[in-house]
């Protein structure tokens, strides 16, 4: 299973804007880097929430009544608002190059396939995944995600790529 934390710690700067895109797409590269920082913050708040909830349970308290949990939830919610704004900005920023389109699709990859087993939720997933892989190849960024995409590629090749699918 590829988790968001795997993508965030991926080799070759998967979520850092690749050098090629920095010169071609400074605005998208900046949004890409900001997204990565926000995604890391969300993961940190998730870990903090889990720890605070466990601490409350050990003390016999309802986590919802703990000020620490409320503060974590407030920070988490604020990060999600920022992430939504970034997504909107990315969607409304025209790509100037194939590398820019690849950057947009790298973010799609992080958002749409991170918490699954590498399988696609819907029949339209393989089309977007294929476009994403083509854009990475055309912009010479394929090596940034190769290891992370192998499971999805294997599932596509064997024909069992939809979650819940029975053949």
N, C-alpha and C. Protein backbone atom coordinates (compact mmCIF):
# COMPACT_ATOMS: atom_id res chain seq x y z
N UNK A 1 0.84 -1.17 0.00
CA UNK A 1 0.00 0.00 0.00
C UNK A 1 0.90 1.24 0.00
N UNK A 2 0.60 2.20 -0.86
CA UNK A 2 1.34 3.45 -0.90
C UNK A 2 0.57 4.47 -0.07
N UNK A 3 1.18 4.91 1.00
CA UNK A 3 0.54 5.87 1.89
C UNK A 3 1.08 7.27 1.59
N UNK A 4 0.34 8.27 2.01
CA UNK A 4 0.76 9.65 1.81
C UNK A 4 2.16 9.86 2.40
N UNK A 5 2.45 9.25 3.55
CA UNK A 5 3.77 9.46 4.14
C UNK A 5 4.86 8.90 3.23
N UNK A 6 4.56 7.82 2.46
CA UNK A 6 5.53 7.29 1.51
C UNK A 6 5.80 8.31 0.41
N UNK A 7 4.73 8.96 -0.05
CA UNK A 7 4.89 9.96 -1.10
C UNK A 7 5.65 11.17 -0.58
N UNK A 8 5.40 11.53 0.67
CA UNK A 8 6.04 12.71 1.22
C UNK A 8 7.53 12.47 1.48
N UNK A 9 7.92 11.23 1.67
CA UNK A 9 9.34 10.94 1.90
C UNK A 9 9.96 10.25 0.69
N UNK A 10 9.33 10.39 -0.45
CA UNK A 10 9.78 9.70 -1.66
C UNK A 10 11.16 10.20 -2.11
N UNK A 11 11.91 9.32 -2.77
CA UNK A 11 13.22 9.72 -3.27
C UNK A 11 13.09 10.71 -4.42
N UNK A 12 14.18 11.39 -4.71
CA UNK A 12 14.28 12.30 -5.86
C UNK A 12 13.31 13.47 -5.79
N UNK A 13 12.94 13.84 -4.59
CA UNK A 13 12.13 15.03 -4.45
C UNK A 13 10.79 14.96 -5.13
N UNK A 14 10.12 13.83 -5.01
CA UNK A 14 8.83 13.67 -5.69
C UNK A 14 7.91 14.86 -5.47
N UNK A 15 7.85 15.36 -4.24
CA UNK A 15 6.96 16.47 -3.98
C UNK A 15 7.66 17.82 -3.98
N UNK A 16 8.98 17.81 -4.02
CA UNK A 16 9.66 19.08 -4.24
C UNK A 16 9.56 19.34 -5.74
N UNK A 17 9.42 20.56 -6.14
CA UNK A 17 9.28 20.84 -7.56
C UNK A 17 10.56 20.43 -8.28
N UNK A 18 10.48 19.51 -9.23
CA UNK A 18 11.67 19.08 -9.98
C UNK A 18 12.33 20.27 -10.69
N UNK A 19 13.65 20.20 -10.84
CA UNK A 19 14.42 21.30 -11.42
C UNK A 19 13.87 21.75 -12.77
N UNK A 20 13.48 20.81 -13.60
CA UNK A 20 12.96 21.14 -14.93
C UNK A 20 11.76 22.08 -14.81
N UNK A 21 10.90 21.81 -13.87
CA UNK A 21 9.69 22.60 -13.72
C UNK A 21 9.96 23.96 -13.07
N UNK A 22 11.03 24.06 -12.28
CA UNK A 22 11.32 25.32 -11.61
C UNK A 22 11.52 26.44 -12.62
N UNK A 23 12.22 26.15 -13.70
CA UNK A 23 12.47 27.18 -14.70
C UNK A 23 11.29 27.37 -15.63
N UNK A 24 10.60 26.30 -15.98
CA UNK A 24 9.49 26.37 -16.92
C UNK A 24 8.20 26.86 -16.27
N UNK A 25 7.99 26.51 -15.02
CA UNK A 25 6.71 26.72 -14.35
C UNK A 25 6.89 27.25 -12.94
N UNK A 26 7.43 28.45 -12.77
CA UNK A 26 7.69 28.92 -11.41
C UNK A 26 6.44 29.01 -10.54
N UNK A 27 5.31 29.43 -11.11
CA UNK A 27 4.10 29.57 -10.29
C UNK A 27 3.58 28.20 -9.85
N UNK A 28 3.51 27.25 -10.79
CA UNK A 28 3.05 25.90 -10.42
C UNK A 28 4.06 25.21 -9.51
N UNK A 29 5.34 25.43 -9.74
CA UNK A 29 6.36 24.83 -8.87
C UNK A 29 6.21 25.35 -7.44
N UNK A 30 5.93 26.63 -7.30
CA UNK A 30 5.72 27.21 -5.97
C UNK A 30 4.49 26.64 -5.30
N UNK A 31 3.40 26.50 -6.05
CA UNK A 31 2.18 25.91 -5.50
C UNK A 31 2.43 24.45 -5.12
N UNK A 32 3.19 23.76 -5.93
CA UNK A 32 3.54 22.36 -5.68
C UNK A 32 4.30 22.23 -4.36
N UNK A 33 5.29 23.09 -4.16
CA UNK A 33 6.08 23.06 -2.93
C UNK A 33 5.24 23.43 -1.71
N UNK A 34 4.35 24.41 -1.88
CA UNK A 34 3.47 24.81 -0.78
C UNK A 34 2.53 23.67 -0.43
N UNK A 35 1.99 23.00 -1.45
CA UNK A 35 1.12 21.85 -1.22
C UNK A 35 1.85 20.80 -0.39
N UNK A 36 3.10 20.52 -0.76
CA UNK A 36 3.87 19.50 -0.05
C UNK A 36 4.04 19.87 1.42
N UNK A 37 4.32 21.14 1.69
CA UNK A 37 4.48 21.58 3.08
C UNK A 37 3.17 21.45 3.85
N UNK A 38 2.08 21.81 3.23
CA UNK A 38 0.77 21.69 3.88
C UNK A 38 0.43 20.22 4.13
N UNK A 39 0.69 19.37 3.14
CA UNK A 39 0.42 17.93 3.30
C UNK A 39 1.24 17.35 4.45
N UNK A 40 2.48 17.79 4.58
CA UNK A 40 3.31 17.33 5.71
C UNK A 40 2.71 17.80 7.03
N UNK A 41 2.24 19.05 7.05
CA UNK A 41 1.61 19.58 8.25
C UNK A 41 0.36 18.80 8.64
N UNK A 42 -0.43 18.43 7.66
CA UNK A 42 -1.64 17.64 7.92
C UNK A 42 -1.26 16.29 8.52
N UNK A 43 -0.23 15.67 7.96
CA UNK A 43 0.21 14.38 8.51
C UNK A 43 0.74 14.54 9.94
N UNK A 44 1.45 15.62 10.22
CA UNK A 44 1.94 15.87 11.58
C UNK A 44 0.78 16.06 12.55
N UNK A 45 -0.24 16.80 12.13
CA UNK A 45 -1.41 17.01 12.99
C UNK A 45 -2.17 15.69 13.21
N UNK A 46 -2.23 14.84 12.19
CA UNK A 46 -2.85 13.53 12.36
C UNK A 46 -2.13 12.72 13.42
N UNK A 47 -0.79 12.72 13.37
CA UNK A 47 -0.01 11.99 14.37
C UNK A 47 -0.21 12.61 15.76
N UNK A 48 -0.23 13.93 15.82
CA UNK A 48 -0.44 14.61 17.11
C UNK A 48 -1.82 14.30 17.66
N UNK A 49 -2.83 14.25 16.80
CA UNK A 49 -4.19 13.94 17.23
C UNK A 49 -4.24 12.52 17.81
N UNK A 50 -3.64 11.57 17.08
CA UNK A 50 -3.63 10.19 17.57
C UNK A 50 -2.97 10.10 18.95
N UNK A 51 -1.84 10.78 19.11
CA UNK A 51 -1.14 10.75 20.40
C UNK A 51 -1.97 11.40 21.50
N UNK A 52 -2.60 12.53 21.19
CA UNK A 52 -3.42 13.22 22.20
C UNK A 52 -4.65 12.39 22.57
N UNK A 53 -5.23 11.73 21.59
CA UNK A 53 -6.40 10.89 21.85
C UNK A 53 -6.01 9.71 22.74
N UNK A 54 -4.86 9.09 22.46
CA UNK A 54 -4.40 7.98 23.29
C UNK A 54 -4.11 8.45 24.72
N UNK A 55 -3.51 9.63 24.83
CA UNK A 55 -3.21 10.17 26.17
C UNK A 55 -4.50 10.44 26.94
N UNK A 56 -5.50 10.96 26.27
CA UNK A 56 -6.80 11.21 26.93
C UNK A 56 -7.43 9.90 27.37
N UNK A 57 -7.36 8.88 26.51
CA UNK A 57 -7.92 7.57 26.85
C UNK A 57 -7.22 6.98 28.08
N UNK A 58 -5.90 7.12 28.13
CA UNK A 58 -5.15 6.60 29.28
C UNK A 58 -5.56 7.29 30.57
N UNK A 59 -5.94 8.55 30.48
CA UNK A 59 -6.37 9.30 31.67
C UNK A 59 -7.87 9.15 31.92
N UNK A 60 -8.54 8.36 31.07
CA UNK A 60 -9.97 8.15 31.26
C UNK A 60 -10.82 9.34 30.84
N UNK A 61 -10.30 10.17 29.96
CA UNK A 61 -11.03 11.36 29.51
C UNK A 61 -11.56 11.17 28.10
N UNK A 62 -12.61 11.88 27.79
CA UNK A 62 -13.13 11.92 26.43
C UNK A 62 -12.24 12.88 25.64
N UNK A 63 -11.65 12.41 24.58
CA UNK A 63 -10.73 13.23 23.79
C UNK A 63 -11.38 14.53 23.32
N UNK A 64 -12.65 14.49 23.05
CA UNK A 64 -13.35 15.69 22.56
C UNK A 64 -13.39 16.80 23.61
N UNK A 65 -13.21 16.44 24.88
CA UNK A 65 -13.24 17.43 25.95
C UNK A 65 -11.86 18.00 26.28
N UNK A 66 -10.82 17.50 25.64
CA UNK A 66 -9.46 17.94 25.93
C UNK A 66 -9.10 19.16 25.08
N UNK A 67 -8.61 20.22 25.72
CA UNK A 67 -8.22 21.42 24.98
C UNK A 67 -7.11 21.15 23.95
N UNK A 68 -6.22 20.21 24.28
CA UNK A 68 -5.13 19.88 23.36
C UNK A 68 -5.69 19.30 22.06
N UNK A 69 -6.68 18.43 22.17
CA UNK A 69 -7.30 17.83 20.98
C UNK A 69 -8.02 18.91 20.17
N UNK A 70 -8.70 19.81 20.85
CA UNK A 70 -9.40 20.89 20.15
C UNK A 70 -8.42 21.77 19.38
N UNK A 71 -7.27 22.06 19.99
CA UNK A 71 -6.25 22.89 19.32
C UNK A 71 -5.70 22.18 18.09
N UNK A 72 -5.46 20.88 18.22
CA UNK A 72 -4.96 20.10 17.08
C UNK A 72 -5.99 20.10 15.96
N UNK A 73 -7.24 19.89 16.30
CA UNK A 73 -8.30 19.89 15.28
C UNK A 73 -8.40 21.24 14.58
N UNK A 74 -8.24 22.32 15.33
CA UNK A 74 -8.29 23.65 14.73
C UNK A 74 -7.14 23.86 13.74
N UNK A 75 -5.93 23.42 14.12
CA UNK A 75 -4.79 23.54 13.20
C UNK A 75 -4.99 22.67 11.97
N UNK A 76 -5.51 21.45 12.17
CA UNK A 76 -5.78 20.53 11.08
C UNK A 76 -6.79 21.13 10.10
N UNK A 77 -7.87 21.66 10.64
CA UNK A 77 -8.90 22.27 9.79
C UNK A 77 -8.34 23.45 9.00
N UNK A 78 -7.50 24.26 9.64
CA UNK A 78 -6.90 25.40 8.95
C UNK A 78 -5.99 24.93 7.82
N UNK A 79 -5.26 23.85 8.03
CA UNK A 79 -4.40 23.30 6.98
C UNK A 79 -5.24 22.80 5.80
N UNK A 80 -6.37 22.16 6.09
CA UNK A 80 -7.24 21.68 5.02
C UNK A 80 -7.81 22.84 4.21
N UNK A 81 -8.11 23.94 4.86
CA UNK A 81 -8.58 25.13 4.13
C UNK A 81 -7.48 25.61 3.20
N UNK A 82 -6.24 25.66 3.70
CA UNK A 82 -5.11 26.06 2.84
C UNK A 82 -4.94 25.09 1.68
N UNK A 83 -5.08 23.80 1.96
CA UNK A 83 -4.89 22.80 0.91
C UNK A 83 -5.96 22.95 -0.18
N UNK A 84 -7.17 23.23 0.22
CA UNK A 84 -8.25 23.45 -0.76
C UNK A 84 -7.96 24.69 -1.61
N UNK A 85 -7.44 25.74 -0.98
CA UNK A 85 -7.08 26.95 -1.73
C UNK A 85 -5.96 26.66 -2.73
N UNK A 86 -5.00 25.87 -2.31
CA UNK A 86 -3.90 25.50 -3.21
C UNK A 86 -4.44 24.69 -4.37
N UNK A 87 -5.32 23.73 -4.09
CA UNK A 87 -5.89 22.91 -5.17
C UNK A 87 -6.61 23.80 -6.18
N UNK A 88 -7.36 24.74 -5.69
CA UNK A 88 -8.08 25.66 -6.58
C UNK A 88 -7.09 26.48 -7.40
N UNK A 89 -6.04 26.99 -6.76
CA UNK A 89 -5.04 27.78 -7.47
C UNK A 89 -4.33 26.96 -8.54
N UNK A 90 -3.99 25.72 -8.21
CA UNK A 90 -3.34 24.85 -9.19
C UNK A 90 -4.28 24.61 -10.37
N UNK A 91 -5.53 24.32 -10.08
CA UNK A 91 -6.50 24.05 -11.15
C UNK A 91 -6.72 25.27 -12.04
N UNK A 92 -6.61 26.46 -11.48
CA UNK A 92 -6.88 27.68 -12.25
C UNK A 92 -5.63 28.29 -12.88
N UNK A 93 -4.46 27.72 -12.60
CA UNK A 93 -3.21 28.21 -13.17
C UNK A 93 -2.90 27.41 -14.44
N UNK A 94 -2.90 28.07 -15.58
CA UNK A 94 -2.60 27.34 -16.81
C UNK A 94 -1.14 26.86 -16.84
N UNK A 95 -0.95 25.65 -17.25
CA UNK A 95 0.41 25.13 -17.43
C UNK A 95 0.99 25.75 -18.70
N UNK A 96 2.27 26.05 -18.65
CA UNK A 96 2.95 26.63 -19.82
C UNK A 96 3.74 25.59 -20.59
N UNK A 97 3.83 24.39 -20.02
CA UNK A 97 4.67 23.36 -20.63
C UNK A 97 4.17 21.98 -20.20
N UNK A 98 4.75 20.98 -20.81
CA UNK A 98 4.43 19.60 -20.43
C UNK A 98 4.87 19.36 -18.99
N UNK A 99 5.97 19.96 -18.58
CA UNK A 99 6.43 19.80 -17.20
C UNK A 99 5.40 20.38 -16.23
N UNK A 100 4.77 21.47 -16.60
CA UNK A 100 3.72 22.05 -15.75
C UNK A 100 2.52 21.13 -15.64
N UNK A 101 2.14 20.52 -16.75
CA UNK A 101 1.04 19.55 -16.70
C UNK A 101 1.43 18.36 -15.84
N UNK A 102 2.68 17.94 -15.93
CA UNK A 102 3.16 16.82 -15.11
C UNK A 102 3.09 17.19 -13.63
N UNK A 103 3.48 18.42 -13.27
CA UNK A 103 3.39 18.85 -11.88
C UNK A 103 1.96 18.77 -11.38
N UNK A 104 1.02 19.22 -12.19
CA UNK A 104 -0.40 19.15 -11.80
C UNK A 104 -0.82 17.69 -11.58
N UNK A 105 -0.40 16.83 -12.46
CA UNK A 105 -0.78 15.42 -12.35
C UNK A 105 -0.07 14.72 -11.20
N UNK A 106 1.12 15.19 -10.83
CA UNK A 106 1.79 14.63 -9.66
C UNK A 106 0.95 14.90 -8.41
N UNK A 107 0.36 16.07 -8.33
CA UNK A 107 -0.51 16.38 -7.20
C UNK A 107 -1.78 15.53 -7.27
N UNK A 108 -2.32 15.34 -8.46
CA UNK A 108 -3.48 14.45 -8.61
C UNK A 108 -3.12 13.07 -8.07
N UNK A 109 -1.94 12.59 -8.42
CA UNK A 109 -1.50 11.27 -7.98
C UNK A 109 -1.47 11.18 -6.46
N UNK A 110 -0.94 12.22 -5.83
CA UNK A 110 -0.88 12.22 -4.37
C UNK A 110 -2.25 12.22 -3.73
N UNK A 111 -3.16 12.97 -4.30
CA UNK A 111 -4.49 13.09 -3.71
C UNK A 111 -5.39 11.90 -4.01
N UNK A 112 -5.26 11.33 -5.17
CA UNK A 112 -6.24 10.32 -5.57
C UNK A 112 -5.85 8.89 -5.27
N UNK A 113 -4.59 8.61 -5.07
CA UNK A 113 -4.18 7.22 -4.93
C UNK A 113 -3.36 6.95 -3.68
N UNK A 114 -3.32 7.84 -2.74
CA UNK A 114 -2.41 7.65 -1.61
C UNK A 114 -2.92 6.69 -0.57
N UNK A 115 -4.19 6.65 -0.33
CA UNK A 115 -4.69 5.83 0.76
C UNK A 115 -5.35 4.55 0.26
N UNK A 116 -4.99 4.13 -0.92
CA UNK A 116 -5.54 2.90 -1.47
C UNK A 116 -4.43 1.85 -1.56
N UNK A 117 -4.80 0.69 -1.97
CA UNK A 117 -3.83 -0.39 -2.09
C UNK A 117 -3.12 -0.34 -3.44
N UNK A 118 -3.21 0.76 -4.15
CA UNK A 118 -2.66 0.85 -5.49
C UNK A 118 -3.72 0.61 -6.53
N UNK A 119 -4.90 0.24 -6.07
CA UNK A 119 -6.01 0.00 -7.00
C UNK A 119 -6.77 1.30 -7.22
N UNK A 120 -7.52 1.33 -8.28
CA UNK A 120 -8.31 2.51 -8.61
C UNK A 120 -9.72 2.33 -8.07
N UNK A 121 -10.29 3.42 -7.59
CA UNK A 121 -11.64 3.38 -7.04
C UNK A 121 -12.70 3.31 -8.13
N UNK A 122 -12.46 3.96 -9.24
CA UNK A 122 -13.44 4.03 -10.32
C UNK A 122 -12.79 3.69 -11.64
N UNK A 123 -13.61 3.39 -12.62
CA UNK A 123 -13.12 3.00 -13.94
C UNK A 123 -12.36 4.13 -14.62
N UNK A 124 -12.62 5.39 -14.25
CA UNK A 124 -11.91 6.49 -14.90
C UNK A 124 -10.49 6.67 -14.37
N UNK A 125 -10.15 6.06 -13.26
CA UNK A 125 -8.81 6.19 -12.68
C UNK A 125 -7.68 5.79 -13.61
N UNK A 126 -7.77 4.66 -14.30
CA UNK A 126 -6.67 4.27 -15.18
C UNK A 126 -6.40 5.27 -16.31
N UNK A 127 -7.44 5.95 -16.78
CA UNK A 127 -7.23 6.94 -17.84
C UNK A 127 -6.38 8.10 -17.33
N UNK A 128 -6.73 8.62 -16.16
CA UNK A 128 -5.96 9.73 -15.58
C UNK A 128 -4.55 9.26 -15.22
N UNK A 129 -4.43 8.05 -14.67
CA UNK A 129 -3.12 7.52 -14.30
C UNK A 129 -2.24 7.39 -15.54
N UNK A 130 -2.81 6.92 -16.63
CA UNK A 130 -2.06 6.79 -17.88
C UNK A 130 -1.60 8.15 -18.40
N UNK A 131 -2.47 9.14 -18.33
CA UNK A 131 -2.11 10.48 -18.76
C UNK A 131 -0.99 11.04 -17.88
N UNK A 132 -1.12 10.83 -16.59
CA UNK A 132 -0.09 11.25 -15.63
C UNK A 132 1.25 10.62 -15.98
N UNK A 133 1.27 9.31 -16.22
CA UNK A 133 2.53 8.63 -16.56
C UNK A 133 3.09 9.15 -17.88
N UNK A 134 2.23 9.38 -18.87
CA UNK A 134 2.70 9.92 -20.15
C UNK A 134 3.32 11.30 -19.98
N UNK A 135 2.68 12.15 -19.19
CA UNK A 135 3.23 13.49 -18.97
C UNK A 135 4.57 13.42 -18.24
N UNK A 136 4.70 12.51 -17.30
CA UNK A 136 5.99 12.35 -16.62
C UNK A 136 7.06 11.92 -17.61
N UNK A 137 6.70 10.97 -18.48
CA UNK A 137 7.66 10.48 -19.48
C UNK A 137 8.04 11.60 -20.44
N UNK A 138 7.08 12.33 -20.96
CA UNK A 138 7.34 13.39 -21.93
C UNK A 138 8.14 14.55 -21.33
N UNK A 139 8.05 14.75 -20.04
CA UNK A 139 8.78 15.84 -19.40
C UNK A 139 10.05 15.35 -18.69
N UNK A 140 10.42 14.10 -18.91
CA UNK A 140 11.61 13.50 -18.30
C UNK A 140 11.57 13.52 -16.78
N UNK A 141 10.38 13.37 -16.21
CA UNK A 141 10.22 13.33 -14.76
C UNK A 141 9.79 11.95 -14.27
N UNK A 142 9.79 10.99 -15.16
CA UNK A 142 9.30 9.65 -14.82
C UNK A 142 10.06 9.03 -13.66
N UNK A 143 11.34 9.28 -13.57
CA UNK A 143 12.13 8.66 -12.50
C UNK A 143 11.72 9.18 -11.12
N UNK A 144 11.04 10.32 -11.05
CA UNK A 144 10.62 10.87 -9.75
C UNK A 144 9.60 9.98 -9.06
N UNK A 145 8.85 9.21 -9.80
CA UNK A 145 7.74 8.46 -9.22
C UNK A 145 7.77 6.97 -9.55
N UNK A 146 8.76 6.53 -10.25
CA UNK A 146 8.77 5.15 -10.75
C UNK A 146 8.52 4.12 -9.66
N UNK A 147 9.24 4.20 -8.55
CA UNK A 147 9.09 3.21 -7.49
C UNK A 147 7.69 3.25 -6.89
N UNK A 148 7.14 4.44 -6.76
CA UNK A 148 5.82 4.57 -6.15
C UNK A 148 4.69 4.08 -7.05
N UNK A 149 4.92 4.11 -8.34
CA UNK A 149 3.86 3.75 -9.29
C UNK A 149 3.89 2.28 -9.70
N UNK A 150 4.90 1.55 -9.29
CA UNK A 150 5.05 0.17 -9.76
C UNK A 150 3.86 -0.72 -9.40
N UNK A 151 3.32 -0.59 -8.21
CA UNK A 151 2.21 -1.45 -7.83
C UNK A 151 0.99 -1.21 -8.71
N UNK A 152 0.66 0.06 -8.95
CA UNK A 152 -0.48 0.38 -9.82
C UNK A 152 -0.23 -0.13 -11.23
N UNK A 153 0.99 -0.01 -11.72
CA UNK A 153 1.31 -0.51 -13.06
C UNK A 153 1.17 -2.04 -13.12
N UNK A 154 1.64 -2.74 -12.07
CA UNK A 154 1.50 -4.20 -12.03
C UNK A 154 0.03 -4.61 -12.03
N UNK A 155 -0.78 -3.90 -11.23
CA UNK A 155 -2.20 -4.23 -11.17
C UNK A 155 -2.89 -3.99 -12.51
N UNK A 156 -2.53 -2.92 -13.18
CA UNK A 156 -3.11 -2.66 -14.50
C UNK A 156 -2.73 -3.77 -15.48
N UNK A 157 -1.45 -4.16 -15.44
CA UNK A 157 -0.98 -5.19 -16.38
C UNK A 157 -1.66 -6.54 -16.15
N UNK A 158 -1.96 -6.87 -14.89
CA UNK A 158 -2.59 -8.17 -14.62
C UNK A 158 -4.10 -8.12 -14.78
N UNK A 159 -4.67 -6.92 -14.91
CA UNK A 159 -6.10 -6.81 -15.16
C UNK A 159 -6.97 -6.69 -13.93
N UNK A 160 -6.38 -6.66 -12.75
CA UNK A 160 -7.15 -6.54 -11.49
C UNK A 160 -6.84 -5.19 -10.84
N UNK A 161 -7.37 -4.13 -11.42
CA UNK A 161 -6.98 -2.80 -10.99
C UNK A 161 -8.08 -1.99 -10.31
N UNK A 162 -9.30 -2.50 -10.27
CA UNK A 162 -10.37 -1.76 -9.60
C UNK A 162 -10.62 -2.34 -8.21
N UNK A 163 -10.69 -1.47 -7.21
CA UNK A 163 -10.96 -1.98 -5.86
C UNK A 163 -12.38 -2.55 -5.85
N UNK A 164 -12.55 -3.66 -5.18
CA UNK A 164 -13.84 -4.31 -5.11
C UNK A 164 -14.20 -5.13 -6.33
N UNK A 165 -13.29 -5.16 -7.30
CA UNK A 165 -13.56 -5.89 -8.54
C UNK A 165 -13.43 -7.38 -8.33
N UNK A 166 -14.32 -8.11 -8.93
CA UNK A 166 -14.26 -9.57 -8.87
C UNK A 166 -14.25 -10.11 -10.30
N UNK A 167 -13.21 -10.87 -10.61
CA UNK A 167 -13.13 -11.49 -11.93
C UNK A 167 -12.93 -12.97 -11.79
